[in-house]
PDB file of N, CA and C in Angstrom:
ATOM      1  N   MET A   1     194.549  89.826  66.546  1.00  0.00           N
ATOM      2  CA  MET A   1     194.167  89.191  65.686  1.00  0.00           C
ATOM      3  C   MET A   1     194.138  87.578  66.181  1.00  0.00           C
ATOM      4  N   TYR A   2     193.166  86.814  65.561  1.00  0.00           N
ATOM      5  CA  TYR A   2     192.879  85.730  66.162  1.00  0.00           C
ATOM      6  C   TYR A   2     192.626  84.732  64.930  1.00  0.00           C
ATOM      7  N   LEU A   3     192.906  83.376  64.972  1.00  0.00           N
ATOM      8  CA  LEU A   3     193.090  82.489  64.143  1.00  0.00           C
ATOM      9  C   LEU A   3     192.060  81.262  64.757  1.00  0.00           C
ATOM     10  N   ARG A   4     191.341  80.836  64.007  1.00  0.00           N
ATOM     11  CA  ARG A   4     190.767  79.445  64.199  1.00  0.00           C
ATOM     12  C   ARG A   4     191.025  78.417  62.833  1.00  0.00           C
ATOM     13  N   LEU A   5     191.487  77.491  63.377  1.00  0.00           N
ATOM     14  CA  LEU A   5     191.658  76.196  62.620  1.00  0.00           C
ATOM     15  C   LEU A   5     190.772  75.224  62.719  1.00  0.00           C
ATOM     16  N   VAL A   6     189.922  74.850  61.839  1.00  0.00           N
ATOM     17  CA  VAL A   6     189.156  73.389  62.269  1.00  0.00           C
ATOM     18  C   VAL A   6     189.440  72.471  60.940  1.00  0.00           C
ATOM     19  N   GLN A   7     189.859  71.189  61.290  1.00  0.00           N
ATOM     20  CA  GLN A   7     190.177  70.473  60.389  1.00  0.00           C
ATOM     21  C   GLN A   7     188.666  69.241  60.517  1.00  0.00           C
ATOM     22  N   VAL A   8     188.580  68.750  59.066  1.00  0.00           N
ATOM     23  CA  VAL A   8     187.636  67.761  59.144  1.00  0.00           C
ATOM     24  C   VAL A   8     188.126  66.620  57.964  1.00  0.00           C
ATOM     25  N   ARG A   9     187.558  65.678  58.169  1.00  0.00           N
ATOM     26  CA  ARG A   9     187.847  64.466  57.430  1.00  0.00           C
ATOM     27  C   ARG A   9     186.441  64.030  56.719  1.00  0.00           C
ATOM     28  N   ALA A  10     186.473  64.301  55.414  1.00  0.00           N
ATOM     29  CA  ALA A  10     185.166  64.000  54.997  1.00  0.00           C
ATOM     30  C   ALA A  10     184.911  62.553  54.932  1.00  0.00           C
ATOM     31  N   LYS A  11     183.555  62.295  54.800  1.00  0.00           N
ATOM     32  CA  LYS A  11     183.135  60.893  54.237  1.00  0.00           C
ATOM     33  C   LYS A  11     183.311  60.491  53.060  1.00  0.00           C
ATOM     34  N   ALA A  12     183.456  59.551  52.564  1.00  0.00           N
ATOM     35  CA  ALA A  12     183.644  59.079  51.043  1.00  0.00           C
ATOM     36  C   ALA A  12     182.495  59.729  50.244  1.00  0.00           C
ATOM     37  N   GLY A  13     183.294  60.139  49.004  1.00  0.00           N
ATOM     38  CA  GLY A  13     182.295  60.982  48.240  1.00  0.00           C
ATOM     39  C   GLY A  13     181.460  62.346  48.665  1.00  0.00           C
ATOM     40  N   GLU A  14     181.939  62.784  49.847  1.00  0.00           N
ATOM     41  CA  GLU A  14     181.188  64.163  50.298  1.00  0.00           C
ATOM     42  C   GLU A  14     182.265  65.327  50.053  1.00  0.00           C
ATOM     43  N   VAL A  15     183.082  65.296  49.708  1.00  0.00           N
ATOM     44  CA  VAL A  15     184.328  66.604  49.748  1.00  0.00           C
ATOM     45  C   VAL A  15     183.308  67.465  48.751  1.00  0.00           C
ATOM     46  N   SER A  16     182.899  67.329  47.810  1.00  0.00           N
ATOM     47  CA  SER A  16     182.269  68.189  46.782  1.00  0.00           C
ATOM     48  C   SER A  16     180.937  68.746  47.567  1.00  0.00           C
ATOM     49  N   THR A  17     180.389  68.065  48.059  1.00  0.00           N
ATOM     50  CA  THR A  17     179.184  68.260  48.982  1.00  0.00           C
ATOM     51  C   THR A  17     179.421  69.273  50.078  1.00  0.00           C
ATOM     52  N   ILE A  18     180.821  69.444  50.662  1.00  0.00           N
ATOM     53  CA  ILE A  18     181.138  70.205  51.869  1.00  0.00           C
ATOM     54  C   ILE A  18     181.476  71.404  50.953  1.00  0.00           C
ATOM     55  N   HIS A  19     182.388  71.542  49.740  1.00  0.00           N
ATOM     56  CA  HIS A  19     182.609  72.564  49.126  1.00  0.00           C
ATOM     57  C   HIS A  19     181.661  73.437  48.958  1.00  0.00           C
ATOM     58  N   ALA A  20     180.639  72.818  48.268  1.00  0.00           N
ATOM     59  CA  ALA A  20     179.094  73.600  48.172  1.00  0.00           C
ATOM     60  C   ALA A  20     178.702  74.087  49.297  1.00  0.00           C
ATOM     61  N   PHE A  21     178.409  73.594  49.956  1.00  0.00           N
ATOM     62  CA  PHE A  21     178.031  73.967  51.422  1.00  0.00           C
ATOM     63  C   PHE A  21     178.628  75.014  51.780  1.00  0.00           C
ATOM     64  N   TYR A  22     179.980  75.108  52.070  1.00  0.00           N
ATOM     65  CA  TYR A  22     180.753  76.333  52.336  1.00  0.00           C
ATOM     66  C   TYR A  22     180.442  77.535  51.632  1.00  0.00           C
ATOM     67  N   GLY A  23     180.503  77.310  50.461  1.00  0.00           N
ATOM     68  CA  GLY A  23     180.078  78.271  49.678  1.00  0.00           C
ATOM     69  C   GLY A  23     178.758  79.084  49.475  1.00  0.00           C
ATOM     70  N   ALA A  24     177.529  78.276  49.884  1.00  0.00           N
ATOM     71  CA  ALA A  24     175.982  78.684  49.814  1.00  0.00           C
ATOM     72  C   ALA A  24     175.533  79.152  51.203  1.00  0.00           C
ATOM     73  N   SER A  25     176.668  78.615  52.464  1.00  0.00           N
ATOM     74  CA  SER A  25     175.873  78.621  53.546  1.00  0.00           C
ATOM     75  C   SER A  25     176.968  79.366  54.324  1.00  0.00           C
ATOM     76  N   VAL A  26     177.844  78.922  54.163  1.00  0.00           N
ATOM     77  CA  VAL A  26     178.900  79.372  55.566  1.00  0.00           C
ATOM     78  C   VAL A  26     179.782  80.891  55.217  1.00  0.00           C
ATOM     79  N   ILE A  27     179.684  81.011  53.934  1.00  0.00           N
ATOM     80  CA  ILE A  27     180.454  82.258  53.355  1.00  0.00           C
ATOM     81  C   ILE A  27     179.298  83.263  53.667  1.00  0.00           C
ATOM     82  N   PRO A  28     178.372  83.231  53.145  1.00  0.00           N
ATOM     83  CA  PRO A  28     177.477  84.437  53.132  1.00  0.00           C
ATOM     84  C   PRO A  28     176.835  84.823  54.872  1.00  0.00           C
ATOM     85  N   ALA A  29     177.239  83.621  55.711  1.00  0.00           N
ATOM     86  CA  ALA A  29     176.651  83.901  57.074  1.00  0.00           C
ATOM     87  C   ALA A  29     177.852  84.570  57.692  1.00  0.00           C
ATOM     88  N   LEU A  30     179.332  84.465  57.324  1.00  0.00           N
ATOM     89  CA  LEU A  30     180.226  85.147  57.696  1.00  0.00           C
ATOM     90  C   LEU A  30     180.493  86.512  57.309  1.00  0.00           C
ATOM     91  N   GLN A  31     180.072  86.641  55.973  1.00  0.00           N
ATOM     92  CA  GLN A  31     180.271  88.072  55.589  1.00  0.00           C
ATOM     93  C   GLN A  31     179.569  89.038  56.621  1.00  0.00           C
ATOM     94  N   ASN A  32     178.242  88.784  57.252  1.00  0.00           N
ATOM     95  CA  ASN A  32     177.627  89.435  58.092  1.00  0.00           C
ATOM     96  C   ASN A  32     178.163  89.428  59.323  1.00  0.00           C
ATOM     97  N   THR A  33     178.910  88.405  59.757  1.00  0.00           N
ATOM     98  CA  THR A  33     179.557  88.292  61.488  1.00  0.00           C
ATOM     99  C   THR A  33     180.534  89.449  61.736  1.00  0.00           C
ATOM    100  N   PRO A  34     180.234  90.011  62.737  1.00  0.00           N
ATOM    101  CA  PRO A  34     181.301  91.145  63.201  1.00  0.00           C
ATOM    102  C   PRO A  34     182.536  90.529  63.514  1.00  0.00           C
ATOM    103  N   GLY A  35     183.431  91.205  63.056  1.00  0.00           N
ATOM    104  CA  GLY A  35     185.028  90.457  63.535  1.00  0.00           C
ATOM    105  C   GLY A  35     185.463  89.486  62.591  1.00  0.00           C
ATOM    106  N   CYS A  36     184.700  89.175  61.706  1.00  0.00           N
ATOM    107  CA  CYS A  36     185.892  88.268  60.678  1.00  0.00           C
ATOM    108  C   CYS A  36     186.250  88.847  59.609  1.00  0.00           C
ATOM    109  N   LEU A  37     187.481  88.647  59.679  1.00  0.00           N
ATOM    110  CA  LEU A  37     188.245  89.513  58.531  1.00  0.00           C
ATOM    111  C   LEU A  37     188.340  88.562  57.304  1.00  0.00           C
ATOM    112  N   HIS A  38     188.855  87.439  57.546  1.00  0.00           N
ATOM    113  CA  HIS A  38     188.915  86.596  56.361  1.00  0.00           C
ATOM    114  C   HIS A  38     188.594  85.068  56.894  1.00  0.00           C
ATOM    115  N   ALA A  39     188.128  84.113  55.784  1.00  0.00           N
ATOM    116  CA  ALA A  39     187.985  82.698  55.951  1.00  0.00           C
ATOM    117  C   ALA A  39     188.214  81.841  54.571  1.00  0.00           C
ATOM    118  N   CYS A  40     188.845  80.792  54.584  1.00  0.00           N
ATOM    119  CA  CYS A  40     188.954  79.998  53.586  1.00  0.00           C
ATOM    120  C   CYS A  40     188.966  78.548  53.840  1.00  0.00           C
ATOM    121  N   LEU A  41     188.623  77.735  53.030  1.00  0.00           N
ATOM    122  CA  LEU A  41     188.421  76.031  52.995  1.00  0.00           C
ATOM    123  C   LEU A  41     189.560  75.563  52.186  1.00  0.00           C
ATOM    124  N   MET A  42     190.326  75.070  52.479  1.00  0.00           N
ATOM    125  CA  MET A  42     191.518  74.458  52.309  1.00  0.00           C
ATOM    126  C   MET A  42     191.548  72.817  52.210  1.00  0.00           C
ATOM    127  N   GLN A  43     191.895  72.424  50.988  1.00  0.00           N
ATOM    128  CA  GLN A  43     192.119  70.768  50.482  1.00  0.00           C
ATOM    129  C   GLN A  43     193.423  70.397  50.607  1.00  0.00           C
ATOM    130  N   SER A  44     193.548  69.166  51.395  1.00  0.00           N
ATOM    131  CA  SER A  44     194.957  68.470  50.954  1.00  0.00           C
ATOM    132  C   SER A  44     195.638  68.029  49.952  1.00  0.00           C
ATOM    133  N   SER A  45     196.132  68.127  49.287  1.00  0.00           N
ATOM    134  CA  SER A  45     196.696  67.623  47.987  1.00  0.00           C
ATOM    135  C   SER A  45     196.910  66.245  48.088  1.00  0.00           C
ATOM    136  N   GLN A  46     197.474  66.016  49.274  1.00  0.00           N
ATOM    137  CA  GLN A  46     197.996  64.266  49.403  1.00  0.00           C
ATOM    138  C   GLN A  46     196.717  63.521  49.916  1.00  0.00           C
ATOM    139  N   HIS A  47     195.932  64.041  50.599  1.00  0.00           N
ATOM    140  CA  HIS A  47     194.918  63.491  51.216  1.00  0.00           C
ATOM    141  C   HIS A  47     193.666  64.073  51.090  1.00  0.00           C
ATOM    142  N   PRO A  48     192.909  64.045  49.727  1.00  0.00           N
ATOM    143  CA  PRO A  48     192.001  65.164  49.593  1.00  0.00           C
ATOM    144  C   PRO A  48     190.658  65.017  50.249  1.00  0.00           C
ATOM    145  N   GLU A  49     190.432  64.204  51.407  1.00  0.00           N
ATOM    146  CA  GLU A  49     189.139  63.805  52.143  1.00  0.00           C
ATOM    147  C   GLU A  49     189.593  64.980  53.336  1.00  0.00           C
ATOM    148  N   GLU A  50     190.890  65.073  53.412  1.00  0.00           N
ATOM    149  CA  GLU A  50     190.988  66.131  54.701  1.00  0.00           C
ATOM    150  C   GLU A  50     190.680  67.685  54.021  1.00  0.00           C
ATOM    151  N   LEU A  51     190.292  68.539  55.067  1.00  0.00           N
ATOM    152  CA  LEU A  51     189.852  70.025  54.551  1.00  0.00           C
ATOM    153  C   LEU A  51     190.087  70.694  56.170  1.00  0.00           C
ATOM    154  N   VAL A  52     190.687  71.930  55.924  1.00  0.00           N
ATOM    155  CA  VAL A  52     190.886  72.913  56.892  1.00  0.00           C
ATOM    156  C   VAL A  52     190.219  73.901  56.801  1.00  0.00           C
ATOM    157  N   SER A  53     189.054  74.775  57.829  1.00  0.00           N
ATOM    158  CA  SER A  53     188.543  75.749  57.941  1.00  0.00           C
ATOM    159  C   SER A  53     189.545  76.780  58.431  1.00  0.00           C
ATOM    160  N   MET A  54     189.912  77.824  57.720  1.00  0.00           N
ATOM    161  CA  MET A  54     190.570  79.160  58.437  1.00  0.00           C
ATOM    162  C   MET A  54     189.652  79.905  58.630  1.00  0.00           C
ATOM    163  N   THR A  55     189.647  80.664  59.953  1.00  0.00           N
ATOM    164  CA  THR A  55     188.893  81.933  60.019  1.00  0.00           C
ATOM    165  C   THR A  55     189.785  82.913  60.818  1.00  0.00           C
ATOM    166  N   LEU A  56     190.001  84.135  60.236  1.00  0.00           N
ATOM    167  CA  LEU A  56     190.665  85.390  60.938  1.00  0.00           C
ATOM    168  C   LEU A  56     189.851  86.104  61.698  1.00  0.00           C
ATOM    169  N   TRP A  57     190.139  86.317  62.472  1.00  0.00           N
ATOM    170  CA  TRP A  57     189.163  87.621  63.315  1.00  0.00           C
ATOM    171  C   TRP A  57     190.088  88.744  63.794  1.00  0.00           C
ATOM    172  N   GLU A  58     189.255  89.593  64.236  1.00  0.00           N
ATOM    173  CA  GLU A  58     189.943  90.789  64.792  1.00  0.00           C
ATOM    174  C   GLU A  58     190.275  90.769  66.106  1.00  0.00           C
ATOM    175  N   THR A  59     189.330  89.747  66.786  1.00  0.00           N
ATOM    176  CA  THR A  59     189.794  89.476  68.157  1.00  0.00           C
ATOM    177  C   THR A  59     189.320  88.328  68.623  1.00  0.00           C
ATOM    178  N   GLN A  60     189.976  87.775  69.695  1.00  0.00           N
ATOM    179  CA  GLN A  60     189.468  86.634  69.978  1.00  0.00           C
ATOM    180  C   GLN A  60     188.029  86.677  70.671  1.00  0.00           C
ATOM    181  N   ASP A  61     187.549  87.745  71.456  1.00  0.00           N
ATOM    182  CA  ASP A  61     186.269  87.750  71.822  1.00  0.00           C
ATOM    183  C   ASP A  61     185.282  87.905  70.730  1.00  0.00           C
ATOM    184  N   ASP A  62     185.520  88.558  69.333  1.00  0.00           N
ATOM    185  CA  ASP A  62     185.007  88.351  67.987  1.00  0.00           C
ATOM    186  C   ASP A  62     184.632  86.911  67.769  1.00  0.00           C
ATOM    187  N   ALA A  63     185.583  85.909  67.670  1.00  0.00           N
ATOM    188  CA  ALA A  63     185.660  84.619  67.675  1.00  0.00           C
ATOM    189  C   ALA A  63     184.537  84.045  68.312  1.00  0.00           C
ATOM    190  N   GLU A  64     184.736  84.118  69.535  1.00  0.00           N
ATOM    191  CA  GLU A  64     184.090  83.416  70.500  1.00  0.00           C
ATOM    192  C   GLU A  64     182.653  84.173  70.553  1.00  0.00           C
ATOM    193  N   THR A  65     182.382  85.147  70.419  1.00  0.00           N
ATOM    194  CA  THR A  65     180.957  85.943  70.521  1.00  0.00           C
ATOM    195  C   THR A  65     180.248  85.014  69.402  1.00  0.00           C
ATOM    196  N   TYR A  66     181.034  84.758  67.905  1.00  0.00           N
ATOM    197  CA  TYR A  66     180.454  83.677  66.839  1.00  0.00           C
ATOM    198  C   TYR A  66     180.122  82.596  67.269  1.00  0.00           C
ATOM    199  N   GLU A  67     180.991  81.790  68.023  1.00  0.00           N
ATOM    200  CA  GLU A  67     180.820  80.698  68.150  1.00  0.00           C
ATOM    201  C   GLU A  67     179.849  80.238  69.221  1.00  0.00           C
ATOM    202  N   LYS A  68     179.539  81.229  70.048  1.00  0.00           N
ATOM    203  CA  LYS A  68     178.752  81.255  71.329  1.00  0.00           C
ATOM    204  C   LYS A  68     177.073  81.410  70.937  1.00  0.00           C
ATOM    205  N   GLY A  69     177.182  82.472  70.097  1.00  0.00           N
ATOM    206  CA  GLY A  69     175.877  82.882  69.356  1.00  0.00           C
ATOM    207  C   GLY A  69     175.227  81.950  68.862  1.00  0.00           C
ATOM    208  N   GLY A  70     175.442  80.846  68.452  1.00  0.00           N
ATOM    209  CA  GLY A  70     174.591  79.847  68.135  1.00  0.00           C
ATOM    210  C   GLY A  70     174.763  79.479  66.470  1.00  0.00           C
ATOM    211  N   LEU A  71     175.351  80.379  65.735  1.00  0.00           N
ATOM    212  CA  LEU A  71     175.458  80.126  64.386  1.00  0.00           C
ATOM    213  C   LEU A  71     176.372  79.239  63.733  1.00  0.00           C
ATOM    214  N   PHE A  72     177.643  79.379  64.775  1.00  0.00           N
ATOM    215  CA  PHE A  72     178.490  78.005  64.614  1.00  0.00           C
ATOM    216  C   PHE A  72     177.889  76.578  64.836  1.00  0.00           C
ATOM    217  N   GLU A  73     177.339  76.270  65.841  1.00  0.00           N
ATOM    218  CA  GLU A  73     176.706  75.204  66.203  1.00  0.00           C
ATOM    219  C   GLU A  73     175.621  74.768  64.960  1.00  0.00           C
ATOM    220  N   HIS A  74     174.786  75.832  64.607  1.00  0.00           N
ATOM    221  CA  HIS A  74     173.762  75.682  63.792  1.00  0.00           C
ATOM    222  C   HIS A  74     174.301  75.418  62.387  1.00  0.00           C
ATOM    223  N   LEU A  75     175.782  75.890  61.693  1.00  0.00           N
ATOM    224  CA  LEU A  75     176.206  75.455  60.756  1.00  0.00           C
ATOM    225  C   LEU A  75     176.916  74.185  60.904  1.00  0.00           C
ATOM    226  N   MET A  76     177.096  73.956  62.016  1.00  0.00           N
ATOM    227  CA  MET A  76     177.635  72.113  62.496  1.00  0.00           C
ATOM    228  C   MET A  76     176.817  71.201  62.021  1.00  0.00           C
ATOM    229  N   LYS A  77     175.764  71.477  62.495  1.00  0.00           N
ATOM    230  CA  LYS A  77     174.828  70.608  62.629  1.00  0.00           C
ATOM    231  C   LYS A  77     174.309  70.167  61.247  1.00  0.00           C
ATOM    232  N   GLN A  78     174.371  71.046  60.357  1.00  0.00           N
ATOM    233  CA  GLN A  78     174.155  70.830  58.847  1.00  0.00           C
ATOM    234  C   GLN A  78     175.168  70.129  58.056  1.00  0.00           C
ATOM    235  N   VAL A  79     176.419  70.458  58.396  1.00  0.00           N
ATOM    236  CA  VAL A  79     177.522  69.586  58.062  1.00  0.00           C
ATOM    237  C   VAL A  79     177.710  68.581  58.354  1.00  0.00           C
ATOM    238  N   GLN A  80     177.752  67.929  59.710  1.00  0.00           N
ATOM    239  CA  GLN A  80     178.052  67.137  60.269  1.00  0.00           C
ATOM    240  C   GLN A  80     177.921  65.718  59.816  1.00  0.00           C
ATOM    241  N   PRO A  81     176.500  65.648  59.202  1.00  0.00           N
ATOM    242  CA  PRO A  81     176.590  64.246  58.529  1.00  0.00           C
ATOM    243  C   PRO A  81     177.304  63.741  57.371  1.00  0.00           C
ATOM    244  N   LEU A  82     178.115  65.029  56.831  1.00  0.00           N
ATOM    245  CA  LEU A  82     179.000  64.531  55.848  1.00  0.00           C
ATOM    246  C   LEU A  82     180.732  64.514  56.724  1.00  0.00           C
ATOM    247  N   LEU A  83     180.683  64.680  57.402  1.00  0.00           N
ATOM    248  CA  LEU A  83     182.107  64.503  58.130  1.00  0.00           C
ATOM    249  C   LEU A  83     182.564  62.805  58.655  1.00  0.00           C
ATOM    250  N   ALA A  84     183.427  62.481  58.628  1.00  0.00           N
ATOM    251  CA  ALA A  84     184.086  61.322  59.545  1.00  0.00           C
ATOM    252  C   ALA A  84     184.784  61.672  60.740  1.00  0.00           C
ATOM    253  N   GLU A  85     185.370  62.722  60.805  1.00  0.00           N
ATOM    254  CA  GLU A  85     185.915  63.058  62.219  1.00  0.00           C
ATOM    255  C   GLU A  85     186.278  64.745  61.898  1.00  0.00           C
ATOM    256  N   THR A  86     186.539  65.359  63.358  1.00  0.00           N
ATOM    257  CA  THR A  86     186.742  66.789  63.463  1.00  0.00           C
ATOM    258  C   THR A  86     187.909  66.971  64.554  1.00  0.00           C
ATOM    259  N   SER A  87     188.722  68.097  64.163  1.00  0.00           N
ATOM    260  CA  SER A  87     189.470  68.532  65.100  1.00  0.00           C
ATOM    261  C   SER A  87     189.434  70.264  65.046  1.00  0.00           C
ATOM    262  N   GLU A  88     190.087  70.789  66.496  1.00  0.00           N
ATOM    263  CA  GLU A  88     190.086  72.350  66.256  1.00  0.00           C
ATOM    264  C   GLU A  88     191.305  72.940  66.769  1.00  0.00           C
ATOM    265  N   TRP A  89     191.972  74.037  66.074  1.00  0.00           N
ATOM    266  CA  TRP A  89     193.052  74.737  66.539  1.00  0.00           C
ATOM    267  C   TRP A  89     192.774  75.904  66.822  1.00  0.00           C
ATOM    268  N   ARG A  90     193.039  76.631  67.808  1.00  0.00           N
ATOM    269  CA  ARG A  90     192.857  78.481  67.951  1.00  0.00           C
ATOM    270  C   ARG A  90     194.438  78.874  68.079  1.00  0.00           C
ATOM    271  N   VAL A  91     194.499  79.733  67.338  1.00  0.00           N
ATOM    272  CA  VAL A  91     195.905  80.495  67.488  1.00  0.00           C
ATOM    273  C   VAL A  91     195.389  82.105  67.864  1.00  0.00           C
ATOM    274  N   GLY A  92     196.428  82.571  68.713  1.00  0.00           N
ATOM    275  CA  GLY A  92     196.081  84.190  68.845  1.00  0.00           C
ATOM    276  C   GLY A  92     197.716  84.538  69.192  1.00  0.00           C
ATOM    277  N   LEU A  93     197.789  85.899  69.040  1.00  0.00           N
ATOM    278  CA  LEU A  93     198.819  86.637  69.369  1.00  0.00           C
ATOM    279  C   LEU A  93     198.444  87.801  70.272  1.00  0.00           C
ATOM    280  N   SER A  94     199.170  87.586  71.441  1.00  0.00           N
ATOM    281  CA  SER A  94     198.925  88.377  72.936  1.00  0.00           C
ATOM    282  C   SER A  94     199.591  89.630  72.608  1.00  0.00           C
ATOM    283  N   LYS A  95     199.089  90.576  73.313  1.00  0.00           N
ATOM    284  CA  LYS A  95     199.624  92.266  73.391  1.00  0.00           C
ATOM    285  C   LYS A  95     201.061  92.069  73.708  1.00  0.00           C
ATOM    286  N   GLU A  96     201.403  91.269  74.006  1.00  0.00           N
ATOM    287  CA  GLU A  96     202.987  90.975  74.235  1.00  0.00           C
ATOM    288  C   GLU A  96     203.621  90.559  72.974  1.00  0.00           C
ATOM    289  N   MET A  97     202.934  90.142  72.060  1.00  0.00           N
ATOM    290  CA  MET A  97     203.581  89.732  71.047  1.00  0.00           C
ATOM    291  C   MET A  97     203.766  88.408  71.071  1.00  0.00           C
ATOM    292  N   ARG A  98     203.340  87.256  71.911  1.00  0.00           N
ATOM    293  CA  ARG A  98     203.687  86.303  71.948  1.00  0.00           C
ATOM    294  C   ARG A  98     202.566  85.332  71.647  1.00  0.00           C
ATOM    295  N   LEU A  99     203.115  84.029  70.490  1.00  0.00           N
ATOM    296  CA  LEU A  99     202.183  83.380  70.019  1.00  0.00           C
ATOM    297  C   LEU A  99     201.414  82.202  70.653  1.00  0.00           C
ATOM    298  N   GLU A 100     200.321  82.250  71.313  1.00  0.00           N
ATOM    299  CA  GLU A 100     199.566  81.211  72.051  1.00  0.00           C
ATOM    300  C   GLU A 100     198.839  80.374  71.006  1.00  0.00           C
ATOM    301  N   TYR A 101     199.002  78.924  71.223  1.00  0.00           N
ATOM    302  CA  TYR A 101     198.330  78.000  70.171  1.00  0.00           C
ATOM    303  C   TYR A 101     197.825  76.826  71.173  1.00  0.00           C
ATOM    304  N   GLY A 102     197.132  75.922  70.619  1.00  0.00           N
ATOM    305  CA  GLY A 102     196.812  74.668  71.017  1.00  0.00           C
ATOM    306  C   GLY A 102     195.684  74.365  71.082  1.00  0.00           C
ATOM    307  N   PRO A 103     195.606  73.016  71.010  1.00  0.00           N
ATOM    308  CA  PRO A 103     194.060  71.811  70.646  1.00  0.00           C
ATOM    309  C   PRO A 103     192.896  72.819  71.475  1.00  0.00           C
ATOM    310  N   VAL A 104     191.638  72.711  70.985  1.00  0.00           N
ATOM    311  CA  VAL A 104     190.550  72.590  71.868  1.00  0.00           C
ATOM    312  C   VAL A 104     190.502  71.306  72.275  1.00  0.00           C
ATOM    313  N   PRO A 105     189.804  71.236  73.689  1.00  0.00           N
ATOM    314  CA  PRO A 105     189.722  70.166  74.147  1.00  0.00           C
ATOM    315  C   PRO A 105     188.713  69.601  74.142  1.00  0.00           C
ATOM    316  N   GLU A 106     187.485  69.926  73.544  1.00  0.00           N
ATOM    317  CA  GLU A 106     186.259  69.542  73.383  1.00  0.00           C
ATOM    318  C   GLU A 106     185.900  69.304  71.947  1.00  0.00           C
ATOM    319  N   GLU A 107     184.896  68.422  71.591  1.00  0.00           N
ATOM    320  CA  GLU A 107     185.045  68.175  70.206  1.00  0.00           C
ATOM    321  C   GLU A 107     183.994  69.359  69.474  1.00  0.00           C
ATOM    322  N   PRO A 108     184.828  69.984  68.702  1.00  0.00           N
ATOM    323  CA  PRO A 108     184.326  71.144  67.863  1.00  0.00           C
ATOM    324  C   PRO A 108     183.188  70.675  66.978  1.00  0.00           C
ATOM    325  N   ARG A 109     182.642  71.683  66.663  1.00  0.00           N
ATOM    326  CA  ARG A 109     181.515  71.961  65.868  1.00  0.00           C
ATOM    327  C   ARG A 109     182.129  72.472  64.748  1.00  0.00           C
ATOM    328  N   VAL A 110     182.157  71.846  63.463  1.00  0.00           N
ATOM    329  CA  VAL A 110     182.616  72.435  62.439  1.00  0.00           C
ATOM    330  C   VAL A 110     181.927  73.113  61.219  1.00  0.00           C
ATOM    331  N   SER A 111     182.236  74.303  60.919  1.00  0.00           N
ATOM    332  CA  SER A 111     181.731  74.962  59.723  1.00  0.00           C
ATOM    333  C   SER A 111     182.859  75.698  59.160  1.00  0.00           C
ATOM    334  N   ALA A 112     182.801  76.205  57.925  1.00  0.00           N
ATOM    335  CA  ALA A 112     184.073  76.633  57.318  1.00  0.00           C
ATOM    336  C   ALA A 112     183.300  77.883  56.434  1.00  0.00           C
ATOM    337  N   TYR A 113     184.320  79.010  56.434  1.00  0.00           N
ATOM    338  CA  TYR A 113     183.590  80.144  55.852  1.00  0.00           C
ATOM    339  C   TYR A 113     184.805  80.991  55.024  1.00  0.00           C
ATOM    340  N   LEU A 114     184.177  81.511  53.625  1.00  0.00           N
ATOM    341  CA  LEU A 114     185.180  82.364  52.981  1.00  0.00           C
ATOM    342  C   LEU A 114     184.682  83.618  53.076  1.00  0.00           C
ATOM    343  N   VAL A 115     185.541  84.455  53.195  1.00  0.00           N
ATOM    344  CA  VAL A 115     185.402  85.894  53.013  1.00  0.00           C
ATOM    345  C   VAL A 115     186.437  86.365  52.313  1.00  0.00           C
ATOM    346  N   SER A 116     186.133  87.485  51.483  1.00  0.00           N
ATOM    347  CA  SER A 116     187.514  87.581  50.432  1.00  0.00           C
ATOM    348  C   SER A 116     188.063  88.972  51.504  1.00  0.00           C
ATOM    349  N   LEU A 117     189.099  89.456  51.328  1.00  0.00           N
ATOM    350  CA  LEU A 117     190.460  90.235  52.293  1.00  0.00           C
ATOM    351  C   LEU A 117     190.413  91.017  51.172  1.00  0.00           C
ATOM    352  N   GLU A 118     190.168  92.360  51.282  1.00  0.00           N
ATOM    353  CA  GLU A 118     190.619  93.275  50.270  1.00  0.00           C
ATOM    354  C   GLU A 118     191.767  94.032  50.964  1.00  0.00           C
ATOM    355  N   ILE A 119     192.674  94.343  50.422  1.00  0.00           N
ATOM    356  CA  ILE A 119     194.059  95.111  50.774  1.00  0.00           C
ATOM    357  C   ILE A 119     194.047  96.268  50.203  1.00  0.00           C
TER     358      ILE A 119
END
């Protein structure tokens, strides 16, 4: 499995708009994206303007295919005007069961996705 975390800081007064965008645009897009197992948008209780999108993927290739396919960039362009800043982390579990993680060196394009996980 592969985990992507995209942290954003919303511009003043835009948190509810970001939540609405996530539900209306990102969630439906990810429900039809191969390899996406789960996604959620989390909000800091101490700093309400800080949000984290967490997506869980079957494989790193699935996450990268989604990102390189243009959908991530398209969603990012839509939400970008609502954001003050962004950062992105990627976490993976290797076949040797080693946890590998680190910040992404480039400026991320941000979007968030909610997919229900049924067990």
